[in-house]
Structure formats: structure tokens, C-alpha cells
N, C-alpha and C. Protein backbone atom coordinates (compact mmCIF):
# COMPACT_ATOMS: atom_id res chain seq x y z
N MET A 1 0.80 -7.27 -23.59
CA MET A 1 -0.22 -6.26 -23.85
C MET A 1 -0.19 -5.19 -22.76
N SER A 2 -0.03 -3.96 -23.15
CA SER A 2 0.00 -2.85 -22.19
C SER A 2 -1.40 -2.51 -21.71
N PHE A 3 -1.48 -1.94 -20.52
CA PHE A 3 -2.78 -1.52 -19.99
C PHE A 3 -3.45 -0.52 -20.92
N GLU A 4 -2.66 0.20 -21.71
CA GLU A 4 -3.20 1.24 -22.59
C GLU A 4 -4.17 0.69 -23.63
N VAL A 5 -3.98 -0.57 -24.03
CA VAL A 5 -4.85 -1.15 -25.04
C VAL A 5 -5.89 -2.10 -24.44
N MET A 6 -5.89 -2.24 -23.13
CA MET A 6 -6.90 -3.05 -22.46
C MET A 6 -8.21 -2.28 -22.34
N SER A 7 -9.31 -3.00 -22.28
CA SER A 7 -10.57 -2.37 -21.94
C SER A 7 -10.55 -2.01 -20.46
N GLU A 8 -11.40 -1.09 -20.07
CA GLU A 8 -11.45 -0.70 -18.65
C GLU A 8 -11.79 -1.90 -17.78
N GLU A 9 -12.72 -2.72 -18.25
CA GLU A 9 -13.13 -3.90 -17.48
C GLU A 9 -11.98 -4.88 -17.29
N LEU A 10 -11.24 -5.17 -18.37
CA LEU A 10 -10.11 -6.09 -18.28
C LEU A 10 -9.02 -5.53 -17.38
N CYS A 11 -8.80 -4.24 -17.47
CA CYS A 11 -7.77 -3.60 -16.66
C CYS A 11 -8.07 -3.77 -15.17
N VAL A 12 -9.30 -3.52 -14.79
CA VAL A 12 -9.68 -3.65 -13.38
C VAL A 12 -9.62 -5.10 -12.94
N ARG A 13 -10.09 -6.01 -13.79
CA ARG A 13 -10.11 -7.43 -13.42
C ARG A 13 -8.70 -8.01 -13.31
N GLN A 14 -7.83 -7.63 -14.22
CA GLN A 14 -6.51 -8.26 -14.27
C GLN A 14 -5.46 -7.51 -13.46
N LEU A 15 -5.54 -6.19 -13.42
CA LEU A 15 -4.52 -5.39 -12.74
C LEU A 15 -5.02 -4.77 -11.44
N HIS A 16 -6.30 -4.93 -11.16
CA HIS A 16 -6.91 -4.46 -9.91
C HIS A 16 -6.86 -2.94 -9.76
N SER A 17 -6.89 -2.24 -10.87
CA SER A 17 -6.94 -0.78 -10.84
C SER A 17 -7.46 -0.29 -12.18
N ASP A 18 -7.95 0.95 -12.21
CA ASP A 18 -8.47 1.47 -13.48
C ASP A 18 -7.35 2.14 -14.29
N LYS A 19 -7.64 2.40 -15.55
CA LYS A 19 -6.62 2.90 -16.47
C LYS A 19 -6.12 4.29 -16.08
N GLU A 20 -6.99 5.11 -15.55
CA GLU A 20 -6.57 6.46 -15.17
C GLU A 20 -5.52 6.41 -14.06
N VAL A 21 -5.78 5.59 -13.03
CA VAL A 21 -4.84 5.47 -11.91
C VAL A 21 -3.50 4.89 -12.38
N ILE A 22 -3.56 3.86 -13.22
CA ILE A 22 -2.33 3.24 -13.71
C ILE A 22 -1.55 4.23 -14.57
N GLY A 23 -2.26 5.01 -15.36
CA GLY A 23 -1.60 6.02 -16.18
C GLY A 23 -0.89 7.06 -15.33
N ARG A 24 -1.53 7.47 -14.23
CA ARG A 24 -0.89 8.44 -13.33
C ARG A 24 0.35 7.84 -12.69
N LEU A 25 0.28 6.55 -12.32
CA LEU A 25 1.45 5.88 -11.75
C LEU A 25 2.60 5.88 -12.75
N GLY A 26 2.30 5.57 -14.00
CA GLY A 26 3.33 5.58 -15.04
C GLY A 26 3.96 6.95 -15.20
N ASP A 27 3.13 7.99 -15.14
CA ASP A 27 3.65 9.36 -15.26
C ASP A 27 4.60 9.69 -14.10
N ILE A 28 4.22 9.28 -12.89
CA ILE A 28 5.03 9.56 -11.71
C ILE A 28 6.39 8.85 -11.80
N LEU A 29 6.38 7.62 -12.33
CA LEU A 29 7.60 6.80 -12.37
C LEU A 29 8.37 6.94 -13.68
N GLN A 30 7.94 7.88 -14.51
CA GLN A 30 8.52 8.04 -15.84
C GLN A 30 10.05 8.16 -15.80
N GLY A 31 10.55 8.98 -14.90
CA GLY A 31 11.99 9.22 -14.85
C GLY A 31 12.79 7.97 -14.54
N GLU A 32 12.26 7.13 -13.66
CA GLU A 32 12.97 5.91 -13.27
C GLU A 32 12.81 4.77 -14.27
N LEU A 33 11.72 4.78 -15.03
CA LEU A 33 11.40 3.62 -15.88
C LEU A 33 11.62 3.85 -17.37
N ARG A 34 11.91 5.08 -17.76
CA ARG A 34 12.09 5.35 -19.19
C ARG A 34 13.23 4.51 -19.74
N PRO A 35 13.06 3.88 -20.91
CA PRO A 35 14.12 3.05 -21.49
C PRO A 35 15.41 3.83 -21.65
N SER A 36 16.53 3.19 -21.35
CA SER A 36 17.83 3.87 -21.42
C SER A 36 18.44 3.81 -22.81
N SER A 37 17.78 3.12 -23.73
CA SER A 37 18.30 3.03 -25.10
C SER A 37 17.16 3.20 -26.09
N GLU A 38 17.54 3.41 -27.34
CA GLU A 38 16.55 3.56 -28.41
C GLU A 38 16.23 2.22 -29.06
N CYS A 39 16.72 1.16 -28.48
CA CYS A 39 16.49 -0.18 -29.04
C CYS A 39 15.00 -0.46 -29.18
N ARG A 40 14.60 -1.02 -30.31
CA ARG A 40 13.19 -1.26 -30.57
C ARG A 40 12.60 -2.28 -29.62
N SER A 41 13.45 -3.13 -29.06
CA SER A 41 12.96 -4.16 -28.14
C SER A 41 12.85 -3.65 -26.70
N ALA A 42 13.32 -2.42 -26.46
CA ALA A 42 13.24 -1.86 -25.10
C ALA A 42 11.78 -1.68 -24.71
N LEU A 43 11.46 -2.02 -23.49
CA LEU A 43 10.07 -1.95 -23.03
C LEU A 43 9.69 -0.52 -22.67
N SER A 44 8.47 -0.15 -23.01
CA SER A 44 7.96 1.17 -22.65
C SER A 44 7.63 1.23 -21.17
N VAL A 45 7.47 2.44 -20.67
CA VAL A 45 7.06 2.62 -19.27
C VAL A 45 5.73 1.93 -19.02
N ALA A 46 4.78 2.09 -19.93
CA ALA A 46 3.46 1.48 -19.78
C ALA A 46 3.56 -0.04 -19.68
N MET A 47 4.44 -0.64 -20.49
CA MET A 47 4.59 -2.10 -20.47
C MET A 47 5.22 -2.57 -19.17
N LYS A 48 6.19 -1.83 -18.68
CA LYS A 48 6.84 -2.19 -17.42
C LYS A 48 5.84 -2.12 -16.26
N VAL A 49 5.05 -1.05 -16.22
CA VAL A 49 4.06 -0.89 -15.15
C VAL A 49 3.01 -1.99 -15.24
N THR A 50 2.56 -2.31 -16.44
CA THR A 50 1.57 -3.38 -16.62
C THR A 50 2.11 -4.72 -16.11
N THR A 51 3.35 -5.02 -16.44
CA THR A 51 3.96 -6.28 -16.01
C THR A 51 4.04 -6.38 -14.50
N ALA A 52 4.47 -5.29 -13.86
CA ALA A 52 4.58 -5.30 -12.40
C ALA A 52 3.22 -5.41 -11.73
N LEU A 53 2.25 -4.64 -12.19
CA LEU A 53 0.92 -4.68 -11.57
C LEU A 53 0.28 -6.05 -11.76
N ASN A 54 0.51 -6.66 -12.90
CA ASN A 54 -0.02 -8.00 -13.15
C ASN A 54 0.56 -9.00 -12.14
N PHE A 55 1.86 -8.87 -11.86
CA PHE A 55 2.49 -9.75 -10.88
C PHE A 55 1.96 -9.46 -9.48
N TYR A 56 1.81 -8.18 -9.12
CA TYR A 56 1.27 -7.84 -7.80
C TYR A 56 -0.12 -8.43 -7.62
N ALA A 57 -0.91 -8.44 -8.70
CA ALA A 57 -2.30 -8.90 -8.61
C ALA A 57 -2.41 -10.41 -8.50
N CYS A 58 -1.56 -11.16 -9.22
CA CYS A 58 -1.73 -12.61 -9.25
C CYS A 58 -0.58 -13.38 -8.60
N GLY A 59 0.56 -12.72 -8.37
CA GLY A 59 1.68 -13.37 -7.70
C GLY A 59 2.39 -14.42 -8.52
N SER A 60 2.28 -14.34 -9.84
CA SER A 60 2.90 -15.35 -10.69
C SER A 60 3.53 -14.72 -11.92
N PHE A 61 4.68 -15.24 -12.34
CA PHE A 61 5.29 -14.80 -13.58
C PHE A 61 4.57 -15.38 -14.79
N GLN A 62 3.81 -16.45 -14.57
CA GLN A 62 3.22 -17.18 -15.69
C GLN A 62 2.22 -16.33 -16.47
N ALA A 63 1.56 -15.40 -15.78
CA ALA A 63 0.55 -14.58 -16.45
C ALA A 63 1.14 -13.29 -17.01
N SER A 64 2.48 -13.17 -16.97
CA SER A 64 3.12 -11.94 -17.42
C SER A 64 2.96 -11.75 -18.92
N HIS A 65 2.87 -10.48 -19.33
CA HIS A 65 2.80 -10.16 -20.75
C HIS A 65 4.19 -10.00 -21.35
N VAL A 66 5.22 -10.05 -20.52
CA VAL A 66 6.60 -9.95 -20.99
C VAL A 66 7.20 -11.35 -21.02
N GLN A 67 7.72 -11.76 -22.16
CA GLN A 67 8.19 -13.13 -22.31
C GLN A 67 9.57 -13.35 -21.69
N ASN A 68 10.46 -12.36 -21.83
CA ASN A 68 11.83 -12.53 -21.38
C ASN A 68 12.11 -11.76 -20.09
N HIS A 69 12.42 -12.50 -19.05
CA HIS A 69 12.84 -11.92 -17.77
C HIS A 69 11.86 -10.88 -17.21
N PRO A 70 10.60 -11.25 -17.00
CA PRO A 70 9.65 -10.28 -16.44
C PRO A 70 10.07 -9.80 -15.06
N GLU A 71 10.89 -10.61 -14.35
CA GLU A 71 11.31 -10.20 -13.01
C GLU A 71 12.10 -8.91 -13.04
N ARG A 72 12.79 -8.63 -14.14
CA ARG A 72 13.54 -7.37 -14.24
C ARG A 72 12.60 -6.17 -14.20
N CYS A 73 11.50 -6.27 -14.93
CA CYS A 73 10.49 -5.20 -14.91
C CYS A 73 9.94 -5.03 -13.50
N ILE A 74 9.63 -6.15 -12.88
CA ILE A 74 9.00 -6.10 -11.56
C ILE A 74 9.93 -5.47 -10.54
N HIS A 75 11.20 -5.84 -10.57
CA HIS A 75 12.17 -5.24 -9.65
C HIS A 75 12.33 -3.75 -9.92
N GLN A 76 12.38 -3.38 -11.18
CA GLN A 76 12.58 -1.98 -11.53
C GLN A 76 11.40 -1.12 -11.08
N VAL A 77 10.18 -1.59 -11.35
CA VAL A 77 8.99 -0.84 -10.94
C VAL A 77 8.87 -0.80 -9.42
N THR A 78 9.12 -1.94 -8.77
CA THR A 78 9.02 -1.99 -7.31
C THR A 78 10.00 -1.03 -6.66
N ASN A 79 11.24 -1.01 -7.14
CA ASN A 79 12.22 -0.08 -6.59
C ASN A 79 11.83 1.37 -6.82
N ALA A 80 11.27 1.65 -8.00
CA ALA A 80 10.84 3.02 -8.29
C ALA A 80 9.71 3.45 -7.36
N ILE A 81 8.75 2.56 -7.13
CA ILE A 81 7.65 2.87 -6.21
C ILE A 81 8.19 3.08 -4.80
N PHE A 82 9.13 2.23 -4.39
CA PHE A 82 9.71 2.34 -3.05
C PHE A 82 10.36 3.71 -2.85
N TRP A 83 11.13 4.15 -3.82
CA TRP A 83 11.83 5.43 -3.66
C TRP A 83 10.88 6.61 -3.78
N ARG A 84 9.80 6.45 -4.49
CA ARG A 84 8.83 7.55 -4.65
C ARG A 84 7.79 7.58 -3.54
N ALA A 85 7.65 6.50 -2.79
CA ALA A 85 6.59 6.40 -1.79
C ALA A 85 6.56 7.57 -0.80
N PRO A 86 7.70 8.03 -0.27
CA PRO A 86 7.64 9.13 0.70
C PRO A 86 7.04 10.42 0.14
N ASP A 87 7.04 10.56 -1.19
CA ASP A 87 6.43 11.75 -1.79
C ASP A 87 4.91 11.76 -1.62
N SER A 88 4.33 10.57 -1.49
CA SER A 88 2.86 10.46 -1.45
C SER A 88 2.32 9.94 -0.13
N ILE A 89 3.13 9.21 0.63
CA ILE A 89 2.65 8.61 1.88
C ILE A 89 3.21 9.39 3.05
N HIS A 90 2.38 10.20 3.66
CA HIS A 90 2.80 10.94 4.85
C HIS A 90 1.56 11.30 5.66
N PHE A 91 1.69 11.24 6.97
CA PHE A 91 0.58 11.48 7.89
C PHE A 91 0.57 12.96 8.26
N ASP A 92 -0.07 13.74 7.42
CA ASP A 92 -0.10 15.20 7.57
C ASP A 92 -1.05 15.59 8.70
N MET A 93 -0.52 16.26 9.71
CA MET A 93 -1.33 16.68 10.85
C MET A 93 -1.52 18.20 10.89
N SER A 94 -1.36 18.86 9.75
CA SER A 94 -1.63 20.29 9.70
C SER A 94 -3.12 20.52 9.95
N PRO A 95 -3.50 21.63 10.58
CA PRO A 95 -4.91 21.88 10.91
C PRO A 95 -5.85 21.75 9.72
N ALA A 96 -5.45 22.29 8.58
CA ALA A 96 -6.33 22.24 7.40
C ALA A 96 -6.53 20.80 6.92
N GLU A 97 -5.46 20.01 6.91
CA GLU A 97 -5.56 18.62 6.47
C GLU A 97 -6.38 17.79 7.45
N VAL A 98 -6.18 18.00 8.74
CA VAL A 98 -6.94 17.27 9.76
C VAL A 98 -8.43 17.56 9.63
N ARG A 99 -8.78 18.83 9.46
CA ARG A 99 -10.20 19.20 9.30
C ARG A 99 -10.79 18.56 8.05
N GLY A 100 -10.04 18.61 6.96
CA GLY A 100 -10.54 18.04 5.71
C GLY A 100 -10.80 16.55 5.81
N ARG A 101 -9.87 15.82 6.42
CA ARG A 101 -10.06 14.37 6.58
C ARG A 101 -11.27 14.08 7.45
N ALA A 102 -11.42 14.83 8.54
CA ALA A 102 -12.53 14.60 9.46
C ALA A 102 -13.87 14.85 8.78
N VAL A 103 -13.95 15.91 8.00
CA VAL A 103 -15.20 16.24 7.30
C VAL A 103 -15.57 15.14 6.32
N ARG A 104 -14.60 14.62 5.58
CA ARG A 104 -14.89 13.60 4.56
C ARG A 104 -15.36 12.30 5.20
N VAL A 105 -14.76 11.90 6.32
CA VAL A 105 -15.21 10.68 7.00
C VAL A 105 -16.61 10.90 7.58
N HIS A 106 -16.86 12.07 8.13
CA HIS A 106 -18.17 12.35 8.73
C HIS A 106 -19.27 12.29 7.68
N ARG A 107 -18.99 12.76 6.49
CA ARG A 107 -19.99 12.72 5.41
C ARG A 107 -20.35 11.29 5.05
N ILE A 108 -19.39 10.39 5.13
CA ILE A 108 -19.62 8.99 4.76
C ILE A 108 -20.25 8.20 5.89
N ALA A 109 -19.70 8.35 7.11
CA ALA A 109 -20.08 7.46 8.21
C ALA A 109 -20.76 8.15 9.38
N GLY A 110 -20.77 9.49 9.39
CA GLY A 110 -21.38 10.20 10.50
C GLY A 110 -20.57 10.16 11.78
N PHE A 111 -19.30 9.74 11.67
CA PHE A 111 -18.43 9.64 12.84
C PHE A 111 -17.55 10.88 12.88
N PRO A 112 -17.54 11.62 14.00
CA PRO A 112 -16.83 12.91 14.04
C PRO A 112 -15.34 12.78 14.33
N GLU A 113 -14.58 13.76 13.86
CA GLU A 113 -13.18 13.98 14.24
C GLU A 113 -12.28 12.76 14.00
N VAL A 114 -12.45 12.11 12.88
CA VAL A 114 -11.62 10.94 12.56
C VAL A 114 -10.39 11.40 11.78
N LEU A 115 -9.22 11.03 12.28
CA LEU A 115 -7.95 11.38 11.63
C LEU A 115 -7.57 10.39 10.54
N GLY A 116 -8.11 9.18 10.62
CA GLY A 116 -7.80 8.14 9.65
C GLY A 116 -8.32 6.80 10.14
N VAL A 117 -8.27 5.80 9.28
CA VAL A 117 -8.75 4.46 9.61
C VAL A 117 -7.60 3.46 9.46
N ILE A 118 -7.40 2.67 10.49
CA ILE A 118 -6.33 1.67 10.49
C ILE A 118 -6.83 0.37 9.87
N ALA A 119 -6.04 -0.18 8.98
CA ALA A 119 -6.37 -1.48 8.37
C ALA A 119 -5.12 -2.34 8.36
N GLY A 120 -5.26 -3.58 8.81
CA GLY A 120 -4.15 -4.52 8.80
C GLY A 120 -4.41 -5.66 7.82
N PHE A 121 -3.38 -6.16 7.19
CA PHE A 121 -3.53 -7.29 6.29
C PHE A 121 -2.19 -8.01 6.17
N HIS A 122 -2.24 -9.22 5.61
CA HIS A 122 -1.04 -10.04 5.49
C HIS A 122 -0.63 -10.17 4.02
N ILE A 123 0.66 -9.97 3.77
CA ILE A 123 1.24 -10.20 2.45
C ILE A 123 1.92 -11.56 2.47
N GLN A 124 1.42 -12.49 1.67
CA GLN A 124 1.96 -13.85 1.69
C GLN A 124 3.37 -13.90 1.12
N LEU A 125 4.23 -14.71 1.75
CA LEU A 125 5.61 -14.89 1.34
C LEU A 125 5.91 -16.37 1.17
N LYS A 126 6.98 -16.67 0.45
CA LYS A 126 7.53 -18.01 0.51
C LYS A 126 8.19 -18.19 1.87
N ALA A 127 8.22 -19.41 2.36
CA ALA A 127 8.81 -19.66 3.68
C ALA A 127 10.25 -19.18 3.72
N ALA A 128 10.57 -18.40 4.75
CA ALA A 128 11.92 -17.88 4.89
C ALA A 128 12.87 -18.98 5.34
N ASN A 129 14.13 -18.87 4.93
CA ASN A 129 15.13 -19.86 5.34
C ASN A 129 15.45 -19.73 6.83
N ALA A 130 15.46 -18.50 7.32
CA ALA A 130 15.77 -18.25 8.73
C ALA A 130 14.48 -17.99 9.50
N GLN A 131 14.30 -18.68 10.59
CA GLN A 131 13.15 -18.50 11.48
C GLN A 131 11.80 -18.53 10.74
N PRO A 132 11.54 -19.57 9.97
CA PRO A 132 10.29 -19.61 9.20
C PRO A 132 9.04 -19.57 10.08
N VAL A 133 9.12 -20.12 11.29
CA VAL A 133 7.94 -20.15 12.16
C VAL A 133 7.48 -18.75 12.52
N SER A 134 8.42 -17.82 12.65
CA SER A 134 8.05 -16.46 13.04
C SER A 134 7.26 -15.74 11.96
N TYR A 135 7.31 -16.26 10.73
CA TYR A 135 6.54 -15.67 9.64
C TYR A 135 5.16 -16.31 9.48
N MET A 136 4.89 -17.37 10.22
CA MET A 136 3.62 -18.09 10.10
C MET A 136 2.52 -17.35 10.85
N ASN A 137 1.45 -16.97 10.15
CA ASN A 137 0.36 -16.25 10.80
C ASN A 137 -0.73 -17.21 11.27
N THR A 138 -1.74 -16.68 11.91
CA THR A 138 -2.80 -17.53 12.48
C THR A 138 -3.68 -18.17 11.40
N GLN A 139 -3.55 -17.70 10.16
CA GLN A 139 -4.31 -18.30 9.06
C GLN A 139 -3.56 -19.45 8.39
N GLY A 140 -2.33 -19.71 8.87
CA GLY A 140 -1.61 -20.88 8.40
C GLY A 140 -0.68 -20.68 7.22
N PHE A 141 -0.33 -19.44 6.88
CA PHE A 141 0.65 -19.24 5.81
C PHE A 141 1.69 -18.20 6.23
N HIS A 142 2.83 -18.20 5.55
CA HIS A 142 3.92 -17.29 5.87
C HIS A 142 3.62 -15.91 5.29
N SER A 143 3.90 -14.88 6.08
CA SER A 143 3.52 -13.54 5.63
C SER A 143 4.27 -12.46 6.40
N LEU A 144 4.10 -11.24 5.93
CA LEU A 144 4.41 -10.04 6.70
C LEU A 144 3.08 -9.45 7.15
N ASN A 145 3.03 -8.93 8.37
CA ASN A 145 1.83 -8.28 8.88
C ASN A 145 1.95 -6.78 8.62
N ILE A 146 1.12 -6.29 7.73
CA ILE A 146 1.19 -4.89 7.30
C ILE A 146 0.08 -4.10 7.96
N VAL A 147 0.41 -2.93 8.47
CA VAL A 147 -0.59 -2.03 9.03
C VAL A 147 -0.56 -0.73 8.25
N THR A 148 -1.71 -0.28 7.80
CA THR A 148 -1.81 0.97 7.06
C THR A 148 -2.84 1.89 7.70
N ILE A 149 -2.74 3.16 7.40
CA ILE A 149 -3.77 4.13 7.75
C ILE A 149 -4.23 4.80 6.47
N CYS A 150 -5.54 4.82 6.26
CA CYS A 150 -6.12 5.41 5.06
C CYS A 150 -7.13 6.49 5.45
N ASP A 151 -7.46 7.33 4.46
CA ASP A 151 -8.50 8.33 4.69
C ASP A 151 -9.73 7.99 3.86
N ALA A 152 -10.71 8.87 3.86
CA ALA A 152 -11.97 8.60 3.17
C ALA A 152 -11.81 8.59 1.65
N GLN A 153 -10.70 9.13 1.16
CA GLN A 153 -10.43 9.13 -0.27
C GLN A 153 -9.57 7.94 -0.69
N MET A 154 -9.39 7.00 0.24
CA MET A 154 -8.60 5.79 0.02
C MET A 154 -7.12 6.09 -0.23
N ARG A 155 -6.66 7.22 0.28
CA ARG A 155 -5.23 7.53 0.22
C ARG A 155 -4.53 6.85 1.39
N ILE A 156 -3.37 6.28 1.15
CA ILE A 156 -2.57 5.71 2.23
C ILE A 156 -1.79 6.83 2.89
N LEU A 157 -2.00 6.99 4.20
CA LEU A 157 -1.34 8.05 4.95
C LEU A 157 -0.11 7.56 5.68
N ALA A 158 -0.09 6.29 6.04
CA ALA A 158 1.04 5.70 6.76
C ALA A 158 1.03 4.21 6.53
N VAL A 159 2.20 3.60 6.58
CA VAL A 159 2.30 2.15 6.40
C VAL A 159 3.47 1.62 7.21
N ASN A 160 3.27 0.45 7.81
CA ASN A 160 4.32 -0.22 8.57
C ASN A 160 4.48 -1.63 8.00
N THR A 161 5.67 -1.94 7.53
CA THR A 161 5.92 -3.24 6.89
C THR A 161 7.01 -4.04 7.60
N GLU A 162 7.28 -3.71 8.85
CA GLU A 162 8.47 -4.23 9.52
C GLU A 162 8.25 -5.54 10.27
N HIS A 163 7.02 -6.02 10.38
CA HIS A 163 6.76 -7.14 11.29
C HIS A 163 6.36 -8.42 10.56
N LYS A 164 6.78 -9.53 11.14
CA LYS A 164 6.52 -10.85 10.58
C LYS A 164 5.08 -11.29 10.85
N GLY A 165 4.65 -12.29 10.11
CA GLY A 165 3.26 -12.72 10.17
C GLY A 165 2.77 -13.18 11.52
N SER A 166 3.66 -13.67 12.37
CA SER A 166 3.22 -14.15 13.69
C SER A 166 2.90 -13.01 14.66
N ALA A 167 3.31 -11.79 14.33
CA ALA A 167 3.05 -10.65 15.21
C ALA A 167 1.57 -10.28 15.20
N ALA A 168 1.02 -10.02 16.37
CA ALA A 168 -0.38 -9.61 16.48
C ALA A 168 -0.54 -8.18 15.98
N ASP A 169 -1.74 -7.86 15.48
CA ASP A 169 -2.00 -6.52 14.96
C ASP A 169 -1.71 -5.45 16.01
N ALA A 170 -2.15 -5.70 17.23
CA ALA A 170 -1.95 -4.71 18.30
C ALA A 170 -0.46 -4.49 18.57
N PHE A 171 0.33 -5.55 18.51
CA PHE A 171 1.78 -5.44 18.72
C PHE A 171 2.42 -4.61 17.61
N VAL A 172 2.01 -4.85 16.38
CA VAL A 172 2.56 -4.12 15.24
C VAL A 172 2.30 -2.63 15.40
N LEU A 173 1.05 -2.28 15.75
CA LEU A 173 0.72 -0.88 15.92
C LEU A 173 1.46 -0.26 17.10
N GLU A 174 1.50 -0.97 18.22
CA GLU A 174 2.11 -0.43 19.44
C GLU A 174 3.60 -0.15 19.24
N ASN A 175 4.24 -0.90 18.37
CA ASN A 175 5.67 -0.75 18.15
C ASN A 175 5.99 0.03 16.88
N SER A 176 5.04 0.81 16.42
CA SER A 176 5.24 1.63 15.23
C SER A 176 5.58 3.06 15.60
N SER A 177 6.20 3.77 14.68
CA SER A 177 6.51 5.19 14.90
C SER A 177 5.22 6.00 15.01
N LEU A 178 4.15 5.53 14.36
CA LEU A 178 2.88 6.25 14.44
C LEU A 178 2.35 6.26 15.87
N ALA A 179 2.39 5.10 16.55
CA ALA A 179 1.92 5.03 17.93
C ALA A 179 2.74 5.95 18.83
N GLN A 180 4.04 5.98 18.61
CA GLN A 180 4.89 6.87 19.40
C GLN A 180 4.51 8.32 19.16
N PHE A 181 4.24 8.66 17.91
CA PHE A 181 3.84 10.03 17.58
C PHE A 181 2.51 10.38 18.23
N MET A 182 1.52 9.49 18.11
CA MET A 182 0.20 9.78 18.67
C MET A 182 0.23 9.86 20.19
N ASN A 183 1.06 9.04 20.83
CA ASN A 183 1.17 9.09 22.29
C ASN A 183 1.75 10.42 22.77
N LYS A 184 2.60 11.02 21.95
CA LYS A 184 3.27 12.26 22.35
C LYS A 184 2.58 13.51 21.82
N CYS A 185 1.68 13.31 20.86
CA CYS A 185 1.06 14.47 20.19
C CYS A 185 -0.05 15.04 21.06
N HIS A 186 0.20 16.19 21.64
CA HIS A 186 -0.78 16.81 22.53
C HIS A 186 -1.72 17.77 21.78
N GLN A 187 -1.43 18.00 20.50
CA GLN A 187 -2.23 18.96 19.74
C GLN A 187 -3.24 18.28 18.83
N ARG A 188 -3.32 16.97 18.90
CA ARG A 188 -4.26 16.27 18.02
C ARG A 188 -5.70 16.60 18.42
N SER A 189 -6.57 16.64 17.46
CA SER A 189 -7.99 16.91 17.73
C SER A 189 -8.82 15.84 17.03
N GLY A 190 -8.76 14.64 17.55
CA GLY A 190 -9.50 13.55 16.95
C GLY A 190 -8.84 12.22 17.28
N TRP A 191 -9.24 11.19 16.57
CA TRP A 191 -8.72 9.86 16.83
C TRP A 191 -8.73 9.02 15.56
N LEU A 192 -8.04 7.91 15.65
CA LEU A 192 -8.05 6.92 14.58
C LEU A 192 -9.11 5.87 14.87
N LEU A 193 -9.63 5.25 13.83
CA LEU A 193 -10.57 4.14 13.98
C LEU A 193 -9.86 2.84 13.59
N ALA A 194 -10.22 1.76 14.27
CA ALA A 194 -9.61 0.46 13.98
C ALA A 194 -10.59 -0.66 14.28
N GLY A 195 -10.23 -1.87 13.91
CA GLY A 195 -11.08 -3.04 14.13
C GLY A 195 -10.84 -3.68 15.49
N ARG A 196 -11.42 -4.86 15.67
CA ARG A 196 -11.42 -5.51 16.98
C ARG A 196 -10.05 -5.99 17.44
N GLY A 197 -9.10 -6.11 16.53
CA GLY A 197 -7.79 -6.60 16.91
C GLY A 197 -6.91 -5.58 17.60
N TYR A 198 -7.44 -4.39 17.79
CA TYR A 198 -6.64 -3.30 18.37
C TYR A 198 -7.22 -2.85 19.70
N PRO A 199 -6.38 -2.38 20.62
CA PRO A 199 -6.86 -1.94 21.93
C PRO A 199 -7.37 -0.50 21.89
N LEU A 200 -8.27 -0.17 22.79
CA LEU A 200 -8.72 1.21 22.92
C LEU A 200 -7.59 2.07 23.49
N LYS A 201 -7.47 3.29 22.96
CA LYS A 201 -6.51 4.26 23.47
C LYS A 201 -7.16 5.64 23.42
N THR A 202 -6.50 6.61 24.01
CA THR A 202 -7.05 7.96 23.97
C THR A 202 -7.12 8.48 22.54
N TRP A 203 -6.31 7.92 21.65
CA TRP A 203 -6.30 8.36 20.25
C TRP A 203 -6.81 7.28 19.29
N LEU A 204 -7.29 6.15 19.84
CA LEU A 204 -7.72 5.03 19.01
C LEU A 204 -9.08 4.51 19.47
N MET A 205 -10.06 4.57 18.57
CA MET A 205 -11.41 4.09 18.86
C MET A 205 -11.68 2.80 18.08
N VAL A 206 -12.38 1.88 18.72
CA VAL A 206 -12.78 0.63 18.08
C VAL A 206 -14.30 0.55 18.11
N PRO A 207 -14.97 1.09 17.08
CA PRO A 207 -16.45 1.15 17.09
C PRO A 207 -17.08 -0.23 17.17
């Protein structure tokens, strides 16, 4: 069943996003996901996106709406998102963009001159064959430690996916290209916000 025929409630519950957002994603990935043949059994873009999002949400092939080889859909959509990501994920420091982000955060939280908010989370993995202990996080499961920066509109501005689950949040941030940029950026007019797992810096506040 494609997201197009789901109710809004079912779409959010099962795919963790609303129909409008999923539709926009399908439009963006249209070129990469369009069926290469006129075969009646070829899956539509909407069906491929639904299958992948369903897997991202539950982590299982069992709940897939595609009976034959759902992993093919998932790989195809994942690769398409990966190649398209740089078009949408970028930490824009132009004066107009910086002012706009700061104003939107201030309206919500009353905190001035915020360039973005740092959030870290773990993506669970199956135990790796090589160095499995290095993937074990403090919560007791194997993962990658992901650090993202978002704005008040919930847009992802930057993401770091390079570190294993055993790495501390502060270590992940300190060894990212973003930290290098912020340390060298003398024209910044504001700071990032983060939680307790991160150290205070001239460009990083921990309220």
C-alpha cells in the first residue's frame, strides 16, 4: 500500500511523516527512482518511497508492503537520498540566513543570536564483525553516534555520521568539520546551542 492511499493518521503513525512531506521527497527523488521499464509489475516512485520509509521507521522487512525483495527498494531510495543530501543539507552562514535563523529561534525560545541547535542520537546497528566493542554505546547496544544541527524550522543544517557508538558526543563534535569551521570563523555573530554532553566554547552554549 502506497502512502498516497493511506490516511494522514496512518501515514504519520507508520511512516513517521505526513503525506505532504513524503510527497515532496518522492518528487525530489523522481529522477533516480522512476521505473526503468513499462512493465506492469514495476514499482512506482510512491511505492518505493513508502517501502523505504516503512523500513526506516520500524527496522524490519516483515512490515514491508512489497512482497518480493523489499531490500532493493530500500537500497535504491537510500542511495538516492544520499546523493541528493548535499542539495538540502548545508550550514549556510550568509548574513541573511544567519539573521533569519536567529530571529526564528528567538521567537520560540527567547534566546538571542542562535545559529542552530546541536542534537546527538544513536542509530542502532547489528554487531559489526570487526571491532564490535567500539560500536557499543553506553546504553548497551551497537550503534553509530550521529550529531546533527537543526534550525527552528526543523531543517537539518549539518550532519556527522562518521563515529562509532562508543565515541562520546563531545568527541564526535570536536572532531567534526563543523567544529573546525566554527573555531576558525571570525565573522560569526552568534552561537550554537547544545545539551549537557557538550563542552562550553566561544561558539557553543549549553543552557
